[in-house]
Amino acid sequence: MPLYEYTCRKCAHTFETLVSSRVAIAVACPKCESPDLDQLIGLPAPGRVTEGGPATNCRGDGPPCGAPWCGRKGP
């Protein structure tokens, strides 16, 4: 199931939720229960080096990803 991030238009609460593609369940804000939400645009999960190298990501447990917004520097 994909993980989506939403911001509630009513109370401005931002939250993440798993959304099943098999079952059509309306997503509502867990704080105020409003269904009036904006789905935020997320980045895809970082991939792995195909030749057996370490994972490349911005969390700190692999080499920097090199993206302009990353902010992490190499060794």
PDB file of N, CA and C in Angstrom:
ATOM      1  N   MET A   1       0.841  -1.178   0.000  1.00  0.00           N
ATOM      2  CA  MET A   1       0.000   0.000   0.000  1.00  0.00           C
ATOM      3  C   MET A   1       0.887   1.243   0.000  1.00  0.00           C
ATOM      4  N   PRO A   2       0.527   2.228  -0.810  1.00  0.00           N
ATOM      5  CA  PRO A   2       1.317   3.459  -0.830  1.00  0.00           C
ATOM      6  C   PRO A   2       1.022   4.340   0.384  1.00  0.00           C
ATOM      7  N   LEU A   3       2.022   5.096   0.777  1.00  0.00           N
ATOM      8  CA  LEU A   3       1.903   6.040   1.885  1.00  0.00           C
ATOM      9  C   LEU A   3       1.732   7.429   1.289  1.00  0.00           C
ATOM     10  N   TYR A   4       0.639   8.096   1.637  1.00  0.00           N
ATOM     11  CA  TYR A   4       0.366   9.432   1.129  1.00  0.00           C
ATOM     12  C   TYR A   4       0.377  10.433   2.272  1.00  0.00           C
ATOM     13  N   GLU A   5       0.749  11.675   1.949  1.00  0.00           N
ATOM     14  CA  GLU A   5       0.758  12.750   2.938  1.00  0.00           C
ATOM     15  C   GLU A   5      -0.318  13.759   2.543  1.00  0.00           C
ATOM     16  N   TYR A   6      -1.074  14.195   3.521  1.00  0.00           N
ATOM     17  CA  TYR A   6      -2.172  15.126   3.298  1.00  0.00           C
ATOM     18  C   TYR A   6      -2.070  16.303   4.264  1.00  0.00           C
ATOM     19  N   THR A   7      -2.666  17.438   3.862  1.00  0.00           N
ATOM     20  CA  THR A   7      -2.871  18.573   4.750  1.00  0.00           C
ATOM     21  C   THR A   7      -4.357  18.890   4.741  1.00  0.00           C
ATOM     22  N   CYS A   8      -4.918  19.022   5.914  1.00  0.00           N
ATOM     23  CA  CYS A   8      -6.343  19.325   6.061  1.00  0.00           C
ATOM     24  C   CYS A   8      -6.580  20.804   5.768  1.00  0.00           C
ATOM     25  N   ARG A   9      -7.548  21.076   4.925  1.00  0.00           N
ATOM     26  CA  ARG A   9      -7.888  22.474   4.604  1.00  0.00           C
ATOM     27  C   ARG A   9      -8.620  23.162   5.752  1.00  0.00           C
ATOM     28  N   LYS A  10      -9.275  22.390   6.596  1.00  0.00           N
ATOM     29  CA  LYS A  10     -10.060  22.963   7.700  1.00  0.00           C
ATOM     30  C   LYS A  10      -9.189  23.347   8.893  1.00  0.00           C
ATOM     31  N   CYS A  11      -8.304  22.427   9.330  1.00  0.00           N
ATOM     32  CA  CYS A  11      -7.520  22.691  10.549  1.00  0.00           C
ATOM     33  C   CYS A  11      -6.014  22.788  10.302  1.00  0.00           C
ATOM     34  N   ALA A  12      -5.565  22.607   9.047  1.00  0.00           N
ATOM     35  CA  ALA A  12      -4.155  22.711   8.646  1.00  0.00           C
ATOM     36  C   ALA A  12      -3.270  21.603   9.220  1.00  0.00           C
ATOM     37  N   HIS A  13      -3.869  20.547   9.736  1.00  0.00           N
ATOM     38  CA  HIS A  13      -3.104  19.403  10.255  1.00  0.00           C
ATOM     39  C   HIS A  13      -2.508  18.625   9.081  1.00  0.00           C
ATOM     40  N   THR A  14      -1.220  18.273   9.162  1.00  0.00           N
ATOM     41  CA  THR A  14      -0.564  17.476   8.139  1.00  0.00           C
ATOM     42  C   THR A  14      -0.326  16.082   8.692  1.00  0.00           C
ATOM     43  N   PHE A  15      -0.660  15.058   7.889  1.00  0.00           N
ATOM     44  CA  PHE A  15      -0.537  13.683   8.353  1.00  0.00           C
ATOM     45  C   PHE A  15      -0.255  12.754   7.183  1.00  0.00           C
ATOM     46  N   GLU A  16       0.235  11.561   7.505  1.00  0.00           N
ATOM     47  CA  GLU A  16       0.485  10.518   6.514  1.00  0.00           C
ATOM     48  C   GLU A  16      -0.470   9.365   6.779  1.00  0.00           C
ATOM     49  N   THR A  17      -0.872   8.687   5.706  1.00  0.00           N
ATOM     50  CA  THR A  17      -1.731   7.517   5.863  1.00  0.00           C
ATOM     51  C   THR A  17      -1.482   6.537   4.725  1.00  0.00           C
ATOM     52  N   LEU A  18      -1.631   5.264   5.034  1.00  0.00           N
ATOM     53  CA  LEU A  18      -1.539   4.223   4.010  1.00  0.00           C
ATOM     54  C   LEU A  18      -2.887   4.151   3.298  1.00  0.00           C
ATOM     55  N   VAL A  19      -2.856   4.120   1.980  1.00  0.00           N
ATOM     56  CA  VAL A  19      -4.087   4.092   1.193  1.00  0.00           C
ATOM     57  C   VAL A  19      -4.088   2.836   0.335  1.00  0.00           C
ATOM     58  N   SER A  20      -5.090   2.009   0.532  1.00  0.00           N
ATOM     59  CA  SER A  20      -5.220   0.776  -0.230  1.00  0.00           C
ATOM     60  C   SER A  20      -5.850   1.070  -1.586  1.00  0.00           C
ATOM     61  N   SER A  21      -5.292   0.479  -2.625  1.00  0.00           N
ATOM     62  CA  SER A  21      -5.878   0.648  -3.952  1.00  0.00           C
ATOM     63  C   SER A  21      -7.000  -0.360  -4.177  1.00  0.00           C
ATOM     64  N   ARG A  22      -7.129  -1.338  -3.313  1.00  0.00           N
ATOM     65  CA  ARG A  22      -8.170  -2.371  -3.446  1.00  0.00           C
ATOM     66  C   ARG A  22      -9.502  -1.945  -2.856  1.00  0.00           C
ATOM     67  N   VAL A  23      -9.456  -1.157  -1.805  1.00  0.00           N
ATOM     68  CA  VAL A  23     -10.677  -0.760  -1.111  1.00  0.00           C
ATOM     69  C   VAL A  23     -10.802   0.761  -1.186  1.00  0.00           C
ATOM     70  N   ALA A  24     -11.927   1.237  -1.679  1.00  0.00           N
ATOM     71  CA  ALA A  24     -12.147   2.677  -1.802  1.00  0.00           C
ATOM     72  C   ALA A  24     -12.689   3.231  -0.484  1.00  0.00           C
ATOM     73  N   ILE A  25     -11.798   3.644   0.387  1.00  0.00           N
ATOM     74  CA  ILE A  25     -12.178   4.241   1.666  1.00  0.00           C
ATOM     75  C   ILE A  25     -11.785   5.710   1.624  1.00  0.00           C
ATOM     76  N   ALA A  26     -12.718   6.583   1.932  1.00  0.00           N
ATOM     77  CA  ALA A  26     -12.428   8.012   1.923  1.00  0.00           C
ATOM     78  C   ALA A  26     -11.459   8.352   3.057  1.00  0.00           C
ATOM     79  N   VAL A  27     -10.477   9.156   2.742  1.00  0.00           N
ATOM     80  CA  VAL A  27      -9.500   9.585   3.747  1.00  0.00           C
ATOM     81  C   VAL A  27     -10.041  10.847   4.400  1.00  0.00           C
ATOM     82  N   ALA A  28      -9.932  10.914   5.722  1.00  0.00           N
ATOM     83  CA  ALA A  28     -10.370  12.086   6.483  1.00  0.00           C
ATOM     84  C   ALA A  28      -9.283  12.467   7.473  1.00  0.00           C
ATOM     85  N   CYS A  29      -9.283  13.706   7.868  1.00  0.00           N
ATOM     86  CA  CYS A  29      -8.302  14.207   8.833  1.00  0.00           C
ATOM     87  C   CYS A  29      -8.497  13.508  10.181  1.00  0.00           C
ATOM     88  N   PRO A  30      -7.418  12.957  10.756  1.00  0.00           N
ATOM     89  CA  PRO A  30      -7.564  12.285  12.052  1.00  0.00           C
ATOM     90  C   PRO A  30      -7.801  13.256  13.211  1.00  0.00           C
ATOM     91  N   LYS A  31      -7.519  14.535  12.992  1.00  0.00           N
ATOM     92  CA  LYS A  31      -7.676  15.519  14.060  1.00  0.00           C
ATOM     93  C   LYS A  31      -9.105  16.077  14.122  1.00  0.00           C
ATOM     94  N   CYS A  32      -9.647  16.497  12.941  1.00  0.00           N
ATOM     95  CA  CYS A  32     -10.978  17.113  12.940  1.00  0.00           C
ATOM     96  C   CYS A  32     -12.002  16.323  12.118  1.00  0.00           C
ATOM     97  N   GLU A  33     -11.566  15.224  11.500  1.00  0.00           N
ATOM     98  CA  GLU A  33     -12.397  14.323  10.706  1.00  0.00           C
ATOM     99  C   GLU A  33     -12.965  14.950   9.428  1.00  0.00           C
ATOM    100  N   SER A  34     -12.386  16.058   8.979  1.00  0.00           N
ATOM    101  CA  SER A  34     -12.830  16.684   7.737  1.00  0.00           C
ATOM    102  C   SER A  34     -12.294  15.900   6.536  1.00  0.00           C
ATOM    103  N   PRO A  35     -13.120  15.706   5.509  1.00  0.00           N
ATOM    104  CA  PRO A  35     -12.651  15.040   4.292  1.00  0.00           C
ATOM    105  C   PRO A  35     -12.042  16.026   3.291  1.00  0.00           C
ATOM    106  N   ASP A  36     -11.997  17.316   3.629  1.00  0.00           N
ATOM    107  CA  ASP A  36     -11.490  18.357   2.734  1.00  0.00           C
ATOM    108  C   ASP A  36      -9.967  18.446   2.874  1.00  0.00           C
ATOM    109  N   LEU A  37      -9.257  17.664   2.048  1.00  0.00           N
ATOM    110  CA  LEU A  37      -7.805  17.514   2.176  1.00  0.00           C
ATOM    111  C   LEU A  37      -7.085  17.897   0.889  1.00  0.00           C
ATOM    112  N   ASP A  38      -5.841  18.303   1.037  1.00  0.00           N
ATOM    113  CA  ASP A  38      -4.930  18.477  -0.087  1.00  0.00           C
ATOM    114  C   ASP A  38      -3.900  17.372   0.005  1.00  0.00           C
ATOM    115  N   GLN A  39      -3.741  16.609  -1.074  1.00  0.00           N
ATOM    116  CA  GLN A  39      -2.705  15.573  -1.098  1.00  0.00           C
ATOM    117  C   GLN A  39      -1.396  16.236  -1.474  1.00  0.00           C
ATOM    118  N   LEU A  40      -0.373  16.046  -0.661  1.00  0.00           N
ATOM    119  CA  LEU A  40       0.927  16.644  -0.912  1.00  0.00           C
ATOM    120  C   LEU A  40       1.714  15.779  -1.894  1.00  0.00           C
ATOM    121  N   ILE A  41       2.607  16.412  -2.609  1.00  0.00           N
ATOM    122  CA  ILE A  41       3.426  15.698  -3.579  1.00  0.00           C
ATOM    123  C   ILE A  41       4.655  15.159  -2.862  1.00  0.00           C
ATOM    124  N   GLY A  42       4.835  13.861  -2.922  1.00  0.00           N
ATOM    125  CA  GLY A  42       5.972  13.226  -2.265  1.00  0.00           C
ATOM    126  C   GLY A  42       7.034  12.812  -3.262  1.00  0.00           C
ATOM    127  N   LEU A  43       8.214  12.592  -2.770  1.00  0.00           N
ATOM    128  CA  LEU A  43       9.305  12.105  -3.597  1.00  0.00           C
ATOM    129  C   LEU A  43       9.296  10.588  -3.608  1.00  0.00           C
ATOM    130  N   PRO A  44       9.709   9.977  -4.694  1.00  0.00           N
ATOM    131  CA  PRO A  44       9.779   8.514  -4.702  1.00  0.00           C
ATOM    132  C   PRO A  44      10.845   8.024  -3.728  1.00  0.00           C
ATOM    133  N   ALA A  45      10.672   6.807  -3.292  1.00  0.00           N
ATOM    134  CA  ALA A  45      11.656   6.212  -2.393  1.00  0.00           C
ATOM    135  C   ALA A  45      12.999   6.127  -3.109  1.00  0.00           C
ATOM    136  N   PRO A  46      14.086   6.406  -2.417  1.00  0.00           N
ATOM    137  CA  PRO A  46      15.400   6.333  -3.064  1.00  0.00           C
ATOM    138  C   PRO A  46      15.722   4.910  -3.496  1.00  0.00           C
ATOM    139  N   GLY A  47      16.375   4.791  -4.614  1.00  0.00           N
ATOM    140  CA  GLY A  47      16.735   3.476  -5.125  1.00  0.00           C
ATOM    141  C   GLY A  47      18.072   2.997  -4.595  1.00  0.00           C
ATOM    142  N   ARG A  48      18.487   1.889  -5.078  1.00  0.00           N
ATOM    143  CA  ARG A  48      19.769   1.327  -4.670  1.00  0.00           C
ATOM    144  C   ARG A  48      20.676   1.266  -5.886  1.00  0.00           C
ATOM    145  N   VAL A  49      21.953   1.280  -5.635  1.00  0.00           N
ATOM    146  CA  VAL A  49      22.923   1.128  -6.707  1.00  0.00           C
ATOM    147  C   VAL A  49      22.793  -0.294  -7.230  1.00  0.00           C
ATOM    148  N   THR A  50      22.680  -0.455  -8.545  1.00  0.00           N
ATOM    149  CA  THR A  50      22.392  -1.767  -9.107  1.00  0.00           C
ATOM    150  C   THR A  50      23.552  -2.751  -9.037  1.00  0.00           C
ATOM    151  N   GLU A  51      24.762  -2.297  -8.833  1.00  0.00           N
ATOM    152  CA  GLU A  51      25.909  -3.203  -8.818  1.00  0.00           C
ATOM    153  C   GLU A  51      26.328  -3.588  -7.406  1.00  0.00           C
ATOM    154  N   GLY A  52      25.373  -3.689  -6.505  1.00  0.00           N
ATOM    155  CA  GLY A  52      25.668  -4.149  -5.156  1.00  0.00           C
ATOM    156  C   GLY A  52      26.217  -3.092  -4.224  1.00  0.00           C
ATOM    157  N   GLY A  53      26.211  -1.832  -4.629  1.00  0.00           N
ATOM    158  CA  GLY A  53      26.705  -0.750  -3.783  1.00  0.00           C
ATOM    159  C   GLY A  53      25.715  -0.427  -2.679  1.00  0.00           C
ATOM    160  N   PRO A  54      26.060   0.501  -1.815  1.00  0.00           N
ATOM    161  CA  PRO A  54      25.186   0.856  -0.699  1.00  0.00           C
ATOM    162  C   PRO A  54      23.979   1.678  -1.165  1.00  0.00           C
ATOM    163  N   ALA A  55      22.972   1.740  -0.321  1.00  0.00           N
ATOM    164  CA  ALA A  55      21.808   2.564  -0.618  1.00  0.00           C
ATOM    165  C   ALA A  55      22.221   4.027  -0.673  1.00  0.00           C
ATOM    166  N   THR A  56      21.607   4.785  -1.541  1.00  0.00           N
ATOM    167  CA  THR A  56      21.882   6.210  -1.659  1.00  0.00           C
ATOM    168  C   THR A  56      20.643   6.961  -1.198  1.00  0.00           C
ATOM    169  N   ASN A  57      20.777   7.759  -0.150  1.00  0.00           N
ATOM    170  CA  ASN A  57      19.620   8.473   0.371  1.00  0.00           C
ATOM    171  C   ASN A  57      20.041   9.687   1.180  1.00  0.00           C
ATOM    172  N   CYS A  58      19.083  10.416   1.677  1.00  0.00           N
ATOM    173  CA  CYS A  58      19.333  11.628   2.460  1.00  0.00           C
ATOM    174  C   CYS A  58      19.082  11.423   3.947  1.00  0.00           C
ATOM    175  N   ARG A  59      18.822  10.206   4.388  1.00  0.00           N
ATOM    176  CA  ARG A  59      18.538   9.960   5.800  1.00  0.00           C
ATOM    177  C   ARG A  59      19.801   9.888   6.641  1.00  0.00           C
ATOM    178  N   GLY A  60      20.947   9.670   6.020  1.00  0.00           N
ATOM    179  CA  GLY A  60      22.184   9.614   6.772  1.00  0.00           C
ATOM    180  C   GLY A  60      22.777   8.238   6.897  1.00  0.00           C
ATOM    181  N   ASP A  61      22.093   7.183   6.397  1.00  0.00           N
ATOM    182  CA  ASP A  61      22.651   5.848   6.517  1.00  0.00           C
ATOM    183  C   ASP A  61      23.235   5.353   5.195  1.00  0.00           C
ATOM    184  N   GLY A  62      23.488   6.253   4.283  1.00  0.00           N
ATOM    185  CA  GLY A  62      24.110   5.911   3.000  1.00  0.00           C
ATOM    186  C   GLY A  62      24.807   7.147   2.459  1.00  0.00           C
ATOM    187  N   PRO A  63      25.424   7.032   1.296  1.00  0.00           N
ATOM    188  CA  PRO A  63      26.069   8.208   0.720  1.00  0.00           C
ATOM    189  C   PRO A  63      25.037   9.268   0.342  1.00  0.00           C
ATOM    190  N   PRO A  64      25.445  10.542   0.226  1.00  0.00           N
ATOM    191  CA  PRO A  64      24.506  11.587  -0.172  1.00  0.00           C
ATOM    192  C   PRO A  64      23.917  11.285  -1.544  1.00  0.00           C
ATOM    193  N   CYS A  65      22.690  11.716  -1.756  1.00  0.00           N
ATOM    194  CA  CYS A  65      22.012  11.416  -3.016  1.00  0.00           C
ATOM    195  C   CYS A  65      22.484  12.311  -4.151  1.00  0.00           C
ATOM    196  N   GLY A  66      23.052  13.481  -3.844  1.00  0.00           N
ATOM    197  CA  GLY A  66      23.528  14.386  -4.884  1.00  0.00           C
ATOM    198  C   GLY A  66      22.471  15.337  -5.391  1.00  0.00           C
ATOM    199  N   ALA A  67      21.243  15.225  -4.896  1.00  0.00           N
ATOM    200  CA  ALA A  67      20.186  16.134  -5.324  1.00  0.00           C
ATOM    201  C   ALA A  67      20.498  17.551  -4.855  1.00  0.00           C
ATOM    202  N   PRO A  68      20.100  18.574  -5.629  1.00  0.00           N
ATOM    203  CA  PRO A  68      20.416  19.955  -5.244  1.00  0.00           C
ATOM    204  C   PRO A  68      19.871  20.342  -3.868  1.00  0.00           C
ATOM    205  N   TRP A  69      18.750  19.740  -3.439  1.00  0.00           N
ATOM    206  CA  TRP A  69      18.140  20.083  -2.157  1.00  0.00           C
ATOM    207  C   TRP A  69      18.651  19.224  -0.999  1.00  0.00           C
ATOM    208  N   CYS A  70      19.516  18.260  -1.280  1.00  0.00           N
ATOM    209  CA  CYS A  70      19.931  17.269  -0.273  1.00  0.00           C
ATOM    210  C   CYS A  70      20.610  17.926   0.924  1.00  0.00           C
ATOM    211  N   GLY A  71      21.615  18.726   0.708  1.00  0.00           N
ATOM    212  CA  GLY A  71      22.304  19.375   1.822  1.00  0.00           C
ATOM    213  C   GLY A  71      23.390  18.530   2.456  1.00  0.00           C
ATOM    214  N   ARG A  72      23.437  17.207   2.195  1.00  0.00           N
ATOM    215  CA  ARG A  72      24.487  16.351   2.734  1.00  0.00           C
ATOM    216  C   ARG A  72      25.687  16.376   1.818  1.00  0.00           C
ATOM    217  N   LYS A  73      26.829  16.402   2.383  1.00  0.00           N
ATOM    218  CA  LYS A  73      28.083  16.409   1.610  1.00  0.00           C
ATOM    219  C   LYS A  73      28.749  15.050   1.683  1.00  0.00           C
ATOM    220  N   GLY A  74      29.503  14.732   0.678  1.00  0.00           N
ATOM    221  CA  GLY A  74      30.226  13.460   0.640  1.00  0.00           C
ATOM    222  C   GLY A  74      31.370  13.419   1.639  1.00  0.00           C
ATOM    223  N   PRO A  75      31.986  12.246   1.785  1.00  0.00           N
ATOM    224  CA  PRO A  75      33.078  12.101   2.777  1.00  0.00           C
ATOM    225  C   PRO A  75      34.278  12.939   2.461  1.00  0.00           C
TER     226      PRO A  75
END
